Amino acid sequence: MRGAVDWRAPEDEIRRQGQRIFTASRDGDHKRVRNLQKLMLRSRSNTLLSAAGGRAQCLAA
């Protein structure tokens, strides 16, 4: 079943969400940062990459 996941899509989504958090933080919009972080934690993409283990670590490097 693991091979059925298109890993590119969740990786791209997490990368975009991280960029949105960075931009909001840089702009000093703390409420938006908090809301985006909650959104990221609850996202399906984050769950998939967390379960994948090594793939998520590759994104952080």
N, C-alpha and C. Protein backbone atom coordinates (compact mmCIF):
# COMPACT_ATOMS: atom_id res chain seq x y z
N MET A 1 0.82 -1.19 0.00
CA MET A 1 0.00 0.00 0.00
C MET A 1 0.86 1.26 0.00
N ARG A 2 2.02 1.19 0.57
CA ARG A 2 2.90 2.34 0.66
C ARG A 2 3.27 2.89 -0.71
N GLY A 3 3.38 1.99 -1.68
CA GLY A 3 3.73 2.42 -3.02
C GLY A 3 2.61 3.17 -3.72
N ALA A 4 1.40 3.15 -3.17
CA ALA A 4 0.25 3.79 -3.81
C ALA A 4 0.22 5.30 -3.57
N VAL A 5 1.05 5.82 -2.69
CA VAL A 5 1.04 7.24 -2.36
C VAL A 5 1.94 8.00 -3.33
N ASP A 6 1.42 9.09 -3.88
CA ASP A 6 2.23 9.99 -4.70
C ASP A 6 2.96 10.93 -3.73
N TRP A 7 4.20 10.61 -3.42
CA TRP A 7 4.94 11.33 -2.37
C TRP A 7 5.26 12.77 -2.75
N ARG A 8 5.32 13.05 -4.03
CA ARG A 8 5.67 14.40 -4.48
C ARG A 8 4.65 15.43 -4.00
N ALA A 9 3.37 15.09 -4.07
CA ALA A 9 2.31 16.04 -3.70
C ALA A 9 2.38 16.43 -2.21
N PRO A 10 2.45 15.47 -1.28
CA PRO A 10 2.53 15.89 0.14
C PRO A 10 3.82 16.64 0.46
N GLU A 11 4.93 16.26 -0.17
CA GLU A 11 6.19 16.97 0.06
C GLU A 11 6.07 18.41 -0.40
N ASP A 12 5.46 18.63 -1.57
CA ASP A 12 5.28 19.98 -2.08
C ASP A 12 4.35 20.79 -1.19
N GLU A 13 3.28 20.15 -0.71
CA GLU A 13 2.33 20.86 0.15
C GLU A 13 2.99 21.29 1.47
N ILE A 14 3.76 20.41 2.06
CA ILE A 14 4.44 20.75 3.31
C ILE A 14 5.47 21.86 3.08
N ARG A 15 6.15 21.81 1.97
CA ARG A 15 7.12 22.86 1.63
C ARG A 15 6.42 24.21 1.49
N ARG A 16 5.26 24.23 0.81
CA ARG A 16 4.50 25.47 0.64
C ARG A 16 3.98 26.00 1.97
N GLN A 17 3.49 25.08 2.82
CA GLN A 17 2.99 25.51 4.13
C GLN A 17 4.12 26.09 4.97
N GLY A 18 5.29 25.47 4.89
CA GLY A 18 6.44 26.00 5.63
C GLY A 18 6.82 27.39 5.15
N GLN A 19 6.74 27.61 3.85
CA GLN A 19 7.04 28.92 3.29
C GLN A 19 6.03 29.96 3.77
N ARG A 20 4.76 29.56 3.83
CA ARG A 20 3.72 30.48 4.32
C ARG A 20 3.96 30.84 5.79
N ILE A 21 4.38 29.86 6.60
CA ILE A 21 4.68 30.12 8.01
C ILE A 21 5.86 31.07 8.13
N PHE A 22 6.90 30.83 7.33
CA PHE A 22 8.08 31.68 7.36
C PHE A 22 7.72 33.12 6.99
N THR A 23 6.92 33.28 5.94
CA THR A 23 6.55 34.62 5.48
C THR A 23 5.73 35.35 6.54
N ALA A 24 4.77 34.66 7.14
CA ALA A 24 3.95 35.28 8.19
C ALA A 24 4.81 35.65 9.40
N SER A 25 5.76 34.80 9.74
CA SER A 25 6.65 35.08 10.87
C SER A 25 7.53 36.29 10.58
N ARG A 26 8.04 36.34 9.38
CA ARG A 26 8.90 37.47 8.97
C ARG A 26 8.12 38.77 9.01
N ASP A 27 6.83 38.72 8.64
CA ASP A 27 5.97 39.91 8.64
C ASP A 27 5.46 40.27 10.02
N GLY A 28 5.72 39.40 11.02
CA GLY A 28 5.30 39.67 12.39
C GLY A 28 3.85 39.36 12.67
N ASP A 29 3.22 38.57 11.81
CA ASP A 29 1.81 38.21 11.96
C ASP A 29 1.72 36.92 12.79
N HIS A 30 1.80 37.07 14.10
CA HIS A 30 1.88 35.91 15.00
C HIS A 30 0.60 35.08 15.02
N LYS A 31 -0.54 35.75 14.88
CA LYS A 31 -1.80 35.01 14.85
C LYS A 31 -1.85 34.10 13.62
N ARG A 32 -1.41 34.62 12.50
CA ARG A 32 -1.41 33.80 11.27
C ARG A 32 -0.41 32.66 11.38
N VAL A 33 0.75 32.92 11.98
CA VAL A 33 1.75 31.87 12.17
C VAL A 33 1.15 30.73 12.98
N ARG A 34 0.49 31.06 14.07
CA ARG A 34 -0.11 30.05 14.94
C ARG A 34 -1.18 29.24 14.19
N ASN A 35 -2.02 29.93 13.42
CA ASN A 35 -3.06 29.25 12.67
C ASN A 35 -2.48 28.36 11.58
N LEU A 36 -1.45 28.82 10.90
CA LEU A 36 -0.80 28.01 9.85
C LEU A 36 -0.11 26.79 10.46
N GLN A 37 0.48 26.95 11.64
CA GLN A 37 1.12 25.81 12.31
C GLN A 37 0.08 24.76 12.67
N LYS A 38 -1.08 25.20 13.17
CA LYS A 38 -2.15 24.25 13.50
C LYS A 38 -2.64 23.54 12.24
N LEU A 39 -2.78 24.31 11.16
CA LEU A 39 -3.20 23.73 9.90
C LEU A 39 -2.20 22.67 9.43
N MET A 40 -0.93 22.97 9.55
CA MET A 40 0.11 22.03 9.13
C MET A 40 0.06 20.76 9.97
N LEU A 41 -0.11 20.90 11.27
CA LEU A 41 -0.14 19.73 12.15
C LEU A 41 -1.30 18.80 11.85
N ARG A 42 -2.41 19.38 11.41
CA ARG A 42 -3.61 18.57 11.15
C ARG A 42 -3.73 18.11 9.71
N SER A 43 -2.77 18.48 8.86
CA SER A 43 -2.89 18.16 7.44
C SER A 43 -2.59 16.69 7.16
N ARG A 44 -3.23 16.18 6.15
CA ARG A 44 -3.00 14.79 5.72
C ARG A 44 -1.56 14.61 5.25
N SER A 45 -1.03 15.63 4.58
CA SER A 45 0.33 15.55 4.07
C SER A 45 1.33 15.37 5.20
N ASN A 46 1.13 16.11 6.28
CA ASN A 46 2.03 16.00 7.42
C ASN A 46 1.95 14.61 8.05
N THR A 47 0.73 14.06 8.12
CA THR A 47 0.55 12.72 8.66
C THR A 47 1.27 11.69 7.80
N LEU A 48 1.13 11.81 6.49
CA LEU A 48 1.79 10.88 5.58
C LEU A 48 3.31 10.94 5.72
N LEU A 49 3.85 12.15 5.74
CA LEU A 49 5.30 12.29 5.82
C LEU A 49 5.84 11.87 7.19
N SER A 50 5.04 12.09 8.23
CA SER A 50 5.46 11.65 9.57
C SER A 50 5.51 10.13 9.64
N ALA A 51 4.52 9.48 9.03
CA ALA A 51 4.49 8.02 9.02
C ALA A 51 5.61 7.45 8.17
N ALA A 52 6.02 8.20 7.14
CA ALA A 52 7.07 7.73 6.25
C ALA A 52 8.44 7.75 6.92
N GLY A 53 8.59 8.60 7.95
CA GLY A 53 9.85 8.64 8.70
C GLY A 53 10.99 9.29 7.93
N GLY A 54 11.76 8.49 7.25
CA GLY A 54 12.96 8.98 6.58
C GLY A 54 12.70 10.04 5.54
N ARG A 55 11.60 9.98 4.85
CA ARG A 55 11.29 10.97 3.82
C ARG A 55 11.10 12.34 4.44
N ALA A 56 10.48 12.40 5.61
CA ALA A 56 10.26 13.66 6.27
C ALA A 56 11.59 14.26 6.73
N GLN A 57 12.51 13.44 7.16
CA GLN A 57 13.82 13.93 7.58
C GLN A 57 14.60 14.48 6.39
N CYS A 58 14.42 13.90 5.23
CA CYS A 58 15.09 14.39 4.03
C CYS A 58 14.63 15.80 3.70
N LEU A 59 13.37 16.11 3.95
CA LEU A 59 12.85 17.45 3.67
C LEU A 59 13.50 18.47 4.58
N ALA A 60 13.77 18.10 5.81
CA ALA A 60 14.32 19.04 6.79
C ALA A 60 15.77 19.38 6.49
N ALA A 61 16.46 18.51 5.81
CA ALA A 61 17.89 18.73 5.55
C ALA A 61 18.13 19.74 4.46
